[in-house]
N, C-alpha and C. Protein backbone atom coordinates (compact mmCIF):
# COMPACT_ATOMS: atom_id res chain seq x y z
N MET A 1 176.99 183.58 -56.02
CA MET A 1 176.80 185.11 -55.72
C MET A 1 177.20 185.85 -56.98
N SER A 2 177.54 185.08 -57.97
CA SER A 2 177.98 185.90 -59.19
C SER A 2 176.74 186.06 -60.17
N SER A 3 175.51 185.68 -59.68
CA SER A 3 174.30 185.97 -60.38
C SER A 3 174.05 187.32 -60.60
N ILE A 4 173.46 187.76 -61.75
CA ILE A 4 173.26 189.22 -61.85
C ILE A 4 171.92 189.53 -61.24
N VAL A 5 171.97 190.72 -60.51
CA VAL A 5 170.69 191.28 -59.76
C VAL A 5 170.04 192.16 -60.80
N PHE A 6 170.83 193.00 -61.46
CA PHE A 6 170.25 193.99 -62.42
C PHE A 6 171.33 194.54 -63.25
N SER A 7 170.87 195.13 -64.39
CA SER A 7 171.92 195.73 -65.36
C SER A 7 171.52 197.24 -65.45
N ALA A 8 172.54 198.00 -65.54
CA ALA A 8 172.22 199.49 -65.71
C ALA A 8 173.30 199.96 -66.72
N TRP A 9 172.90 200.42 -67.76
CA TRP A 9 173.82 201.07 -68.81
C TRP A 9 174.78 200.00 -69.32
N GLU A 10 174.25 198.79 -69.50
CA GLU A 10 174.97 197.74 -69.96
C GLU A 10 175.89 197.18 -68.99
N TYR A 11 175.86 197.59 -67.75
CA TYR A 11 176.78 197.05 -66.69
C TYR A 11 175.94 196.12 -65.82
N GLU A 12 176.37 194.94 -65.62
CA GLU A 12 175.77 193.96 -64.85
C GLU A 12 176.19 193.89 -63.45
N VAL A 13 175.26 194.22 -62.47
CA VAL A 13 175.62 194.07 -60.99
C VAL A 13 175.21 192.76 -60.39
N SER A 14 176.23 192.09 -59.92
CA SER A 14 176.08 190.77 -59.31
C SER A 14 175.65 190.93 -57.82
N TYR A 15 175.09 189.87 -57.29
CA TYR A 15 174.72 189.80 -55.90
C TYR A 15 175.81 190.05 -55.10
N LEU A 16 177.01 189.53 -55.40
CA LEU A 16 178.26 189.69 -54.68
C LEU A 16 178.51 191.16 -54.56
N GLU A 17 178.63 191.88 -55.64
CA GLU A 17 178.82 193.38 -55.71
C GLU A 17 177.86 194.12 -54.94
N LEU A 18 176.58 193.87 -55.17
CA LEU A 18 175.53 194.55 -54.49
C LEU A 18 175.68 194.45 -52.96
N ILE A 19 175.77 193.21 -52.44
CA ILE A 19 175.78 193.02 -51.13
C ILE A 19 177.07 193.50 -50.41
N ALA A 20 178.21 193.41 -51.12
CA ALA A 20 179.46 194.01 -50.67
C ALA A 20 179.37 195.69 -50.51
N ALA A 21 178.68 196.18 -51.57
CA ALA A 21 178.50 197.75 -51.61
C ALA A 21 177.66 198.14 -50.40
N VAL A 22 176.49 197.40 -50.23
CA VAL A 22 175.52 197.80 -49.20
C VAL A 22 176.17 197.82 -47.89
N THR A 23 176.84 196.61 -47.54
CA THR A 23 177.52 196.41 -46.28
C THR A 23 178.67 197.45 -46.02
N SER A 24 179.33 197.62 -47.07
CA SER A 24 180.49 198.68 -46.99
C SER A 24 180.03 200.08 -46.74
N LEU A 25 178.85 200.43 -47.38
CA LEU A 25 178.31 201.68 -47.29
C LEU A 25 177.77 201.92 -45.84
N ILE A 26 177.15 200.86 -45.26
CA ILE A 26 176.64 200.99 -43.85
C ILE A 26 177.95 201.16 -42.94
N GLY A 27 178.99 200.22 -43.17
CA GLY A 27 180.15 200.34 -42.30
C GLY A 27 180.80 201.74 -42.29
N VAL A 28 181.11 202.23 -43.49
CA VAL A 28 181.74 203.57 -43.66
C VAL A 28 180.83 204.69 -42.98
N TRP A 29 179.48 204.63 -43.23
CA TRP A 29 178.68 205.72 -42.59
C TRP A 29 178.89 205.65 -41.09
N LEU A 30 178.72 204.41 -40.60
CA LEU A 30 178.89 204.26 -39.09
C LEU A 30 180.25 204.75 -38.56
N GLY A 31 181.19 204.63 -39.42
CA GLY A 31 182.62 205.14 -39.08
C GLY A 31 182.53 206.64 -38.79
N THR A 32 181.75 207.47 -39.68
CA THR A 32 181.62 208.78 -39.52
C THR A 32 181.11 209.24 -38.16
N THR A 33 180.21 208.34 -37.52
CA THR A 33 179.65 208.71 -36.26
C THR A 33 180.52 208.28 -35.12
N GLY A 34 181.71 207.53 -35.39
CA GLY A 34 182.59 207.17 -34.38
C GLY A 34 182.07 205.95 -33.57
N LYS A 35 181.01 205.30 -34.02
CA LYS A 35 180.49 204.24 -33.23
C LYS A 35 181.30 202.92 -33.54
N ARG A 36 181.37 202.12 -32.42
CA ARG A 36 182.28 201.00 -32.49
C ARG A 36 181.70 199.84 -33.44
N ILE A 37 180.28 199.92 -33.63
CA ILE A 37 179.71 198.86 -34.36
C ILE A 37 180.12 198.88 -35.85
N THR A 38 180.78 199.95 -36.18
CA THR A 38 181.35 200.17 -37.64
C THR A 38 182.21 198.98 -38.02
N TRP A 39 182.91 198.36 -37.01
CA TRP A 39 183.98 197.31 -37.31
C TRP A 39 183.41 196.04 -37.90
N PRO A 40 182.30 195.51 -37.28
CA PRO A 40 181.84 194.27 -37.91
C PRO A 40 181.41 194.43 -39.35
N TRP A 41 180.70 195.63 -39.69
CA TRP A 41 180.34 196.04 -40.92
C TRP A 41 181.48 196.02 -41.92
N TRP A 42 182.54 196.51 -41.37
CA TRP A 42 183.82 196.60 -42.37
C TRP A 42 184.28 195.21 -42.62
N ALA A 43 184.33 194.39 -41.63
CA ALA A 43 184.82 193.06 -41.80
C ALA A 43 184.13 192.27 -42.81
N ILE A 44 182.73 192.34 -42.68
CA ILE A 44 181.82 191.59 -43.59
C ILE A 44 181.98 192.12 -45.12
N SER A 45 181.96 193.44 -45.20
CA SER A 45 182.07 193.97 -46.53
C SER A 45 183.47 193.84 -47.09
N SER A 46 184.47 193.85 -46.30
CA SER A 46 185.80 193.47 -46.79
C SER A 46 185.88 192.05 -47.30
N ALA A 47 185.34 191.19 -46.66
CA ALA A 47 185.50 189.78 -47.03
C ALA A 47 184.74 189.55 -48.41
N LEU A 48 183.58 190.25 -48.64
CA LEU A 48 182.86 190.17 -49.81
C LEU A 48 183.65 190.75 -51.07
N TYR A 49 184.16 192.05 -50.68
CA TYR A 49 184.86 192.78 -51.66
C TYR A 49 186.35 191.96 -52.08
N MET A 50 186.78 191.32 -51.14
CA MET A 50 188.05 190.53 -51.40
C MET A 50 187.82 189.61 -52.58
N VAL A 51 186.62 188.86 -52.51
CA VAL A 51 186.26 187.95 -53.65
C VAL A 51 185.99 188.59 -54.86
N PHE A 52 185.31 189.71 -54.78
CA PHE A 52 184.90 190.55 -56.04
C PHE A 52 186.23 191.00 -56.72
N PHE A 53 187.12 191.67 -55.93
CA PHE A 53 188.22 192.20 -56.52
C PHE A 53 189.26 191.14 -57.03
N TYR A 54 189.35 189.95 -56.36
CA TYR A 54 190.11 188.87 -56.91
C TYR A 54 189.55 188.43 -58.24
N GLN A 55 188.29 188.36 -58.35
CA GLN A 55 187.70 187.85 -59.58
C GLN A 55 187.94 188.92 -60.73
N ALA A 56 188.01 190.22 -60.34
CA ALA A 56 188.32 191.29 -61.33
C ALA A 56 189.84 191.42 -61.58
N GLU A 57 190.69 190.58 -61.05
CA GLU A 57 192.15 190.67 -61.13
C GLU A 57 192.73 191.98 -60.55
N LEU A 58 192.04 192.69 -59.77
CA LEU A 58 192.66 193.92 -59.07
C LEU A 58 193.17 193.28 -57.70
N PHE A 59 194.35 192.68 -57.87
CA PHE A 59 194.91 191.89 -56.71
C PHE A 59 195.26 192.71 -55.51
N ALA A 60 195.83 193.92 -55.78
CA ALA A 60 196.14 194.83 -54.56
C ALA A 60 194.83 195.18 -53.81
N SER A 61 193.78 195.50 -54.66
CA SER A 61 192.58 195.78 -53.96
C SER A 61 191.96 194.59 -53.14
N ALA A 62 192.08 193.43 -53.77
CA ALA A 62 191.78 192.14 -53.06
C ALA A 62 192.62 191.92 -51.78
N GLY A 63 193.85 192.10 -51.93
CA GLY A 63 194.77 191.87 -50.75
C GLY A 63 194.41 192.91 -49.66
N LEU A 64 194.11 194.06 -50.04
CA LEU A 64 193.76 195.16 -49.18
C LEU A 64 192.66 194.78 -48.27
N GLN A 65 191.63 194.05 -48.77
CA GLN A 65 190.54 193.61 -47.88
C GLN A 65 191.02 192.79 -46.70
N ILE A 66 192.07 191.94 -46.83
CA ILE A 66 192.54 191.18 -45.76
C ILE A 66 192.95 192.15 -44.65
N VAL A 67 193.69 193.22 -45.00
CA VAL A 67 194.12 194.21 -44.10
C VAL A 67 192.88 194.84 -43.38
N PHE A 68 191.86 195.16 -44.17
CA PHE A 68 190.68 195.76 -43.55
C PHE A 68 190.00 194.77 -42.58
N ILE A 69 190.04 193.48 -42.84
CA ILE A 69 189.45 192.49 -41.92
C ILE A 69 190.26 192.63 -40.61
N ILE A 70 191.48 192.48 -40.81
CA ILE A 70 192.41 192.57 -39.52
C ILE A 70 192.22 193.87 -38.74
N ALA A 71 192.13 194.95 -39.40
CA ALA A 71 191.89 196.33 -38.83
C ALA A 71 190.52 196.35 -38.08
N ALA A 72 189.59 195.69 -38.67
CA ALA A 72 188.25 195.65 -38.09
C ALA A 72 188.32 194.95 -36.74
N PHE A 73 189.04 193.93 -36.62
CA PHE A 73 189.24 193.20 -35.40
C PHE A 73 189.91 194.12 -34.34
N TRP A 74 190.94 194.72 -34.88
CA TRP A 74 191.73 195.64 -34.14
C TRP A 74 191.04 196.85 -33.68
N GLY A 75 190.26 197.46 -34.50
CA GLY A 75 189.42 198.67 -34.16
C GLY A 75 188.23 198.28 -33.03
N TRP A 76 187.67 197.07 -33.37
CA TRP A 76 186.63 196.60 -32.51
C TRP A 76 187.22 196.44 -31.03
N ARG A 77 188.44 195.84 -30.99
CA ARG A 77 189.14 195.64 -29.73
C ARG A 77 189.56 196.94 -28.96
N ASP A 78 190.22 197.90 -29.81
CA ASP A 78 190.80 199.13 -29.31
C ASP A 78 189.86 200.30 -28.86
N TRP A 79 188.80 200.49 -29.86
CA TRP A 79 187.85 201.56 -29.65
C TRP A 79 187.11 201.35 -28.29
N ALA A 80 186.80 202.35 -27.62
CA ALA A 80 186.03 202.28 -26.34
C ALA A 80 184.62 201.90 -26.78
N PRO A 81 183.95 201.19 -25.87
CA PRO A 81 182.43 200.79 -26.07
C PRO A 81 181.59 202.07 -26.59
N THR A 82 182.02 203.09 -26.04
CA THR A 82 181.23 204.43 -26.35
C THR A 82 181.65 204.97 -27.69
N GLY A 83 182.70 204.52 -28.37
CA GLY A 83 183.12 204.86 -29.70
C GLY A 83 184.53 205.61 -29.75
N ALA A 84 184.70 206.20 -30.86
CA ALA A 84 186.02 206.81 -31.04
C ALA A 84 186.13 208.17 -30.34
N LEU A 85 187.29 208.47 -29.82
CA LEU A 85 187.70 209.78 -29.35
C LEU A 85 188.74 210.44 -30.23
N PRO A 86 188.37 210.97 -31.37
CA PRO A 86 189.25 211.59 -32.35
C PRO A 86 190.22 212.51 -31.84
N GLY A 87 191.54 212.47 -32.36
CA GLY A 87 192.50 213.46 -32.10
C GLY A 87 193.34 213.56 -33.35
N PHE A 88 194.42 214.61 -33.21
CA PHE A 88 195.13 214.95 -34.48
C PHE A 88 196.54 214.36 -34.34
N LEU A 89 197.13 214.08 -35.54
CA LEU A 89 198.48 213.76 -35.62
C LEU A 89 199.36 215.09 -35.35
N ASP A 90 200.47 214.94 -34.68
CA ASP A 90 201.41 216.09 -34.79
C ASP A 90 202.08 216.21 -36.07
N LYS A 91 202.57 217.28 -36.40
CA LYS A 91 203.33 217.59 -37.78
C LYS A 91 204.38 216.61 -38.12
N ARG A 92 205.18 216.22 -37.23
CA ARG A 92 206.22 215.20 -37.52
C ARG A 92 205.60 213.92 -37.99
N HIS A 93 204.55 213.41 -37.28
CA HIS A 93 203.94 212.12 -37.58
C HIS A 93 203.17 212.25 -38.81
N ARG A 94 202.63 213.43 -39.14
CA ARG A 94 201.88 213.52 -40.46
C ARG A 94 202.89 213.47 -41.57
N LEU A 95 204.09 214.06 -41.47
CA LEU A 95 205.07 213.99 -42.47
C LEU A 95 205.65 212.51 -42.66
N GLN A 96 205.76 211.83 -41.55
CA GLN A 96 206.36 210.41 -41.51
C GLN A 96 205.29 209.51 -42.34
N TRP A 97 204.08 209.64 -42.00
CA TRP A 97 203.08 208.85 -42.76
C TRP A 97 202.89 209.21 -44.14
N ALA A 98 203.07 210.50 -44.47
CA ALA A 98 202.93 210.87 -45.96
C ALA A 98 204.20 210.19 -46.69
N GLY A 99 205.33 210.54 -46.08
CA GLY A 99 206.60 209.86 -46.71
C GLY A 99 206.53 208.40 -46.87
N ALA A 100 206.21 207.65 -45.86
CA ALA A 100 206.06 206.20 -45.91
C ALA A 100 205.05 205.75 -46.98
N THR A 101 203.98 206.52 -47.17
CA THR A 101 202.89 206.19 -48.08
C THR A 101 203.56 206.28 -49.55
N LEU A 102 204.22 207.43 -49.75
CA LEU A 102 204.80 207.58 -51.12
C LEU A 102 205.89 206.55 -51.41
N VAL A 103 206.77 206.20 -50.42
CA VAL A 103 207.62 205.22 -50.71
C VAL A 103 207.09 203.95 -51.03
N ALA A 104 206.19 203.42 -50.09
CA ALA A 104 205.50 202.18 -50.27
C ALA A 104 204.75 202.02 -51.66
N VAL A 105 204.12 203.11 -52.08
CA VAL A 105 203.47 203.03 -53.43
C VAL A 105 204.55 202.94 -54.48
N SER A 106 205.63 203.58 -54.50
CA SER A 106 206.66 203.50 -55.42
C SER A 106 207.23 202.03 -55.41
N LEU A 107 207.35 201.49 -54.34
CA LEU A 107 207.90 200.07 -54.27
C LEU A 107 206.91 198.98 -54.73
N LEU A 108 205.59 199.23 -54.44
CA LEU A 108 204.61 198.18 -54.95
C LEU A 108 204.28 198.18 -56.21
N THR A 109 204.27 199.43 -56.95
CA THR A 109 203.80 199.51 -58.29
C THR A 109 204.47 198.50 -59.28
N PRO A 110 205.92 198.42 -59.23
CA PRO A 110 206.51 197.38 -60.13
C PRO A 110 206.16 195.93 -59.77
N VAL A 111 205.92 195.74 -58.43
CA VAL A 111 205.55 194.35 -58.07
C VAL A 111 204.22 194.01 -58.71
N LEU A 112 203.29 194.91 -58.67
CA LEU A 112 202.08 194.61 -59.26
C LEU A 112 202.04 194.49 -60.83
N SER A 113 202.95 195.21 -61.40
CA SER A 113 203.21 195.20 -62.90
C SER A 113 203.71 193.80 -63.13
N ARG A 114 204.69 193.22 -62.51
CA ARG A 114 205.20 191.96 -62.72
C ARG A 114 204.24 190.81 -62.52
N LEU A 115 203.21 191.03 -61.61
CA LEU A 115 202.18 190.04 -61.29
C LEU A 115 201.16 190.10 -62.49
N GLY A 116 201.17 191.07 -63.29
CA GLY A 116 200.19 191.29 -64.41
C GLY A 116 198.97 191.70 -63.90
N ALA A 117 198.90 192.60 -62.90
CA ALA A 117 197.75 193.21 -62.32
C ALA A 117 197.08 194.02 -63.40
N ALA A 118 195.75 194.19 -63.29
CA ALA A 118 194.97 195.02 -64.23
C ALA A 118 195.36 196.46 -64.05
N ALA A 119 195.71 196.85 -62.80
CA ALA A 119 196.10 198.25 -62.51
C ALA A 119 197.49 198.20 -61.77
N THR A 120 198.34 199.15 -61.89
CA THR A 120 199.57 199.09 -61.18
C THR A 120 199.66 200.21 -60.15
N TRP A 121 200.17 201.50 -60.69
CA TRP A 121 200.32 202.55 -59.60
C TRP A 121 199.07 202.97 -58.96
N SER A 122 197.92 202.95 -59.67
CA SER A 122 196.72 203.38 -59.04
C SER A 122 196.20 202.44 -58.04
N ASP A 123 196.33 201.06 -58.29
CA ASP A 123 195.95 200.14 -57.38
C ASP A 123 196.94 200.13 -56.17
N ALA A 124 198.18 200.39 -56.47
CA ALA A 124 199.16 200.42 -55.43
C ALA A 124 198.79 201.68 -54.44
N PHE A 125 198.44 202.78 -54.89
CA PHE A 125 197.97 203.87 -54.18
C PHE A 125 196.74 203.60 -53.42
N LEU A 126 195.74 202.89 -54.09
CA LEU A 126 194.54 202.51 -53.37
C LEU A 126 194.91 201.60 -52.20
N LEU A 127 195.79 200.60 -52.33
CA LEU A 127 196.14 199.70 -51.35
C LEU A 127 196.84 200.50 -50.19
N ILE A 128 197.95 201.15 -50.44
CA ILE A 128 198.73 201.83 -49.47
C ILE A 128 198.06 202.91 -48.81
N GLY A 129 197.38 203.69 -49.62
CA GLY A 129 196.52 204.93 -49.00
C GLY A 129 195.46 204.37 -48.10
N SER A 130 194.76 203.34 -48.47
CA SER A 130 193.72 202.81 -47.66
C SER A 130 194.25 202.14 -46.41
N LEU A 131 195.38 201.43 -46.52
CA LEU A 131 196.06 200.84 -45.28
C LEU A 131 196.38 202.04 -44.31
N VAL A 132 196.99 203.07 -44.75
CA VAL A 132 197.49 204.08 -43.84
C VAL A 132 196.16 204.81 -43.33
N ALA A 133 195.08 205.00 -44.20
CA ALA A 133 193.91 205.63 -43.65
C ALA A 133 193.28 204.73 -42.54
N GLN A 134 193.28 203.50 -42.87
CA GLN A 134 192.58 202.66 -41.90
C GLN A 134 193.34 202.51 -40.62
N ILE A 135 194.77 202.54 -40.59
CA ILE A 135 195.52 202.44 -39.38
C ILE A 135 195.21 203.78 -38.76
N LEU A 136 195.24 204.94 -39.39
CA LEU A 136 194.93 206.09 -38.69
C LEU A 136 193.52 206.21 -38.09
N MET A 137 192.61 205.49 -38.81
CA MET A 137 191.27 205.47 -38.22
C MET A 137 191.13 204.58 -36.91
N VAL A 138 191.90 203.45 -36.88
CA VAL A 138 191.94 202.62 -35.83
C VAL A 138 192.49 203.43 -34.57
N TYR A 139 193.50 204.26 -34.95
CA TYR A 139 194.09 205.18 -33.82
C TYR A 139 193.28 206.32 -33.57
N GLU A 140 192.08 206.48 -34.31
CA GLU A 140 191.23 207.48 -34.06
C GLU A 140 191.72 208.94 -34.38
N LYS A 141 192.45 209.01 -35.51
CA LYS A 141 193.08 210.30 -35.91
C LYS A 141 192.13 210.85 -37.02
N VAL A 142 191.83 212.20 -36.81
CA VAL A 142 191.11 213.03 -37.70
C VAL A 142 191.65 212.91 -39.18
N GLU A 143 192.86 212.86 -39.31
CA GLU A 143 193.48 212.91 -40.60
C GLU A 143 193.11 211.63 -41.34
N SER A 144 192.66 210.63 -40.79
CA SER A 144 192.23 209.41 -41.56
C SER A 144 191.19 209.79 -42.63
N TRP A 145 190.26 210.78 -42.21
CA TRP A 145 189.35 211.10 -43.18
C TRP A 145 189.73 211.90 -44.33
N SER A 146 190.76 212.83 -44.16
CA SER A 146 191.22 213.54 -45.26
C SER A 146 191.97 212.57 -46.22
N LEU A 147 192.55 211.57 -45.69
CA LEU A 147 193.21 210.51 -46.57
C LEU A 147 192.16 209.73 -47.21
N TRP A 148 191.06 209.31 -46.56
CA TRP A 148 190.01 208.56 -47.24
C TRP A 148 189.41 209.40 -48.33
N LEU A 149 189.31 210.68 -48.11
CA LEU A 149 188.69 211.61 -49.15
C LEU A 149 189.65 211.37 -50.42
N ILE A 150 190.92 211.37 -50.33
CA ILE A 150 191.79 211.26 -51.60
C ILE A 150 191.70 209.92 -52.11
N VAL A 151 191.81 208.86 -51.27
CA VAL A 151 191.80 207.53 -51.68
C VAL A 151 190.50 207.15 -52.40
N ASP A 152 189.32 207.50 -51.80
CA ASP A 152 187.99 207.24 -52.37
C ASP A 152 187.94 207.91 -53.73
N ALA A 153 188.17 209.23 -53.82
CA ALA A 153 188.23 209.96 -55.12
C ALA A 153 189.18 208.99 -56.24
N ALA A 154 190.20 208.61 -55.85
CA ALA A 154 191.08 207.88 -56.72
C ALA A 154 190.33 206.50 -57.01
N GLY A 155 189.73 205.89 -56.09
CA GLY A 155 189.11 204.68 -56.27
C GLY A 155 187.92 204.83 -57.34
N THR A 156 187.15 205.95 -57.12
CA THR A 156 186.10 206.26 -58.08
C THR A 156 186.59 206.37 -59.48
N ILE A 157 187.70 206.98 -59.62
CA ILE A 157 188.34 207.07 -60.98
C ILE A 157 188.68 205.74 -61.52
N GLU A 158 189.56 204.88 -60.70
CA GLU A 158 190.01 203.68 -61.16
C GLU A 158 188.89 202.70 -61.51
N TYR A 159 187.83 202.46 -60.71
CA TYR A 159 186.89 201.64 -60.86
C TYR A 159 185.96 202.03 -61.99
N ALA A 160 185.81 203.33 -62.34
CA ALA A 160 185.05 203.78 -63.54
C ALA A 160 185.88 203.49 -64.73
N TYR A 161 187.08 203.67 -64.60
CA TYR A 161 188.09 203.40 -65.81
C TYR A 161 187.91 201.99 -66.26
N TYR A 162 187.92 201.06 -65.30
CA TYR A 162 187.94 199.69 -65.61
C TYR A 162 186.37 199.12 -65.72
N GLY A 163 185.45 200.05 -65.66
CA GLY A 163 184.07 199.68 -66.17
C GLY A 163 183.27 199.03 -65.00
N TYR A 164 183.76 199.11 -63.70
CA TYR A 164 183.05 198.68 -62.53
C TYR A 164 182.17 199.74 -61.96
N TRP A 165 181.24 200.09 -62.75
CA TRP A 165 180.40 201.32 -62.51
C TRP A 165 179.73 201.38 -61.19
N PHE A 166 179.17 200.31 -60.72
CA PHE A 166 178.44 200.24 -59.56
C PHE A 166 179.50 200.57 -58.28
N THR A 167 180.51 199.94 -58.49
CA THR A 167 181.73 200.17 -57.31
C THR A 167 182.05 201.58 -57.48
N ALA A 168 182.36 202.00 -58.71
CA ALA A 168 182.78 203.44 -58.85
C ALA A 168 181.81 204.46 -58.23
N LEU A 169 180.48 204.14 -58.40
CA LEU A 169 179.46 204.99 -57.82
C LEU A 169 179.60 204.97 -56.26
N LEU A 170 179.75 203.80 -55.68
CA LEU A 170 179.87 203.60 -54.32
C LEU A 170 181.01 204.37 -53.86
N TYR A 171 182.24 204.29 -54.52
CA TYR A 171 183.50 205.13 -54.05
C TYR A 171 183.07 206.66 -54.31
N GLY A 172 182.38 207.05 -55.20
CA GLY A 172 181.94 208.49 -55.31
C GLY A 172 181.14 208.89 -53.96
N VAL A 173 180.19 207.95 -53.55
CA VAL A 173 179.44 208.17 -52.31
C VAL A 173 180.45 208.28 -51.16
N PHE A 174 181.40 207.32 -51.06
CA PHE A 174 182.48 207.25 -50.12
C PHE A 174 183.24 208.60 -50.03
N THR A 175 183.40 209.24 -51.17
CA THR A 175 184.18 210.46 -51.18
C THR A 175 183.34 211.51 -50.35
N GLY A 176 182.07 211.55 -50.69
CA GLY A 176 181.11 212.63 -49.96
C GLY A 176 181.12 212.15 -48.46
N ILE A 177 181.00 210.92 -48.10
CA ILE A 177 180.88 210.53 -46.69
C ILE A 177 182.33 210.75 -46.08
N ALA A 178 183.43 210.69 -46.79
CA ALA A 178 184.75 211.10 -46.17
C ALA A 178 184.76 212.66 -45.73
N LEU A 179 184.00 213.43 -46.54
CA LEU A 179 183.89 214.80 -46.12
C LEU A 179 183.08 215.01 -44.90
N VAL A 180 182.02 214.24 -44.71
CA VAL A 180 181.23 214.19 -43.62
C VAL A 180 181.96 213.75 -42.39
N GLY A 181 182.72 212.70 -42.49
CA GLY A 181 183.49 212.10 -41.40
C GLY A 181 184.56 213.07 -40.90
N TRP A 182 185.19 213.66 -41.99
CA TRP A 182 186.28 214.63 -41.63
C TRP A 182 185.68 215.80 -40.78
N LYS A 183 184.49 216.28 -41.17
CA LYS A 183 183.93 217.42 -40.42
C LYS A 183 183.49 216.99 -39.01
N ARG A 184 182.85 215.77 -38.94
CA ARG A 184 182.36 215.33 -37.67
C ARG A 184 183.58 215.13 -36.67
N TRP A 185 184.48 214.42 -37.12
CA TRP A 185 185.64 214.21 -36.26
C TRP A 185 186.41 215.40 -35.94
N TYR A 186 186.46 216.32 -36.92
CA TYR A 186 187.14 217.64 -36.53
C TYR A 186 186.44 218.32 -35.54
N ASP A 187 185.09 218.42 -35.61
CA ASP A 187 184.21 219.16 -34.68
C ASP A 187 184.28 218.44 -33.39
N ILE A 188 184.27 217.11 -33.22
CA ILE A 188 184.32 216.43 -31.92
C ILE A 188 185.62 216.85 -31.27
N ASN A 189 186.86 216.84 -31.98
CA ASN A 189 188.07 217.20 -31.37
C ASN A 189 188.09 218.56 -31.06
N SER A 190 187.40 219.48 -31.68
CA SER A 190 187.54 220.95 -31.38
C SER A 190 186.74 221.44 -30.25
N ASN A 191 185.77 220.52 -29.86
CA ASN A 191 184.96 220.75 -28.64
C ASN A 191 185.56 220.39 -27.29
């Protein structure tokens, strides 16, 4: 799967990266609709991206894919067959999730540094922020999309910085999709 499909601006896109990106894009878009079928797509794309990120020595991003696979089974099990019924976190829980995210990022950053990871604080944020966003998505919380917006924008920057242009472009698209998801889930909750 490491064979090159195409090159663009001196960046070589492998079959692995291309298939991971396409399946991920499908899964994330389905998530905005609140359809339960989003979860198998997340599991497949996460398995593929786990291999890709491990090969790139982005260990936190690789490890995060395991969490996404577990969350995919969890979401598939817990969402109603008709899909998500979004709701909002109360103010206390919003503050607790934000505080826990900041503490976890500050604890994980030095661990990644000791492991010799290609990225430390940014990869720690991508891992923890994605974990929290995914949990909130499984619990069908509108705030998951606002956090995905921030995480995806940060992922766009990190992957571009390390020269993974195709994945950076994908995360740029995810940033736009997060806006769509946020609006859709907000509107569903407001009706």
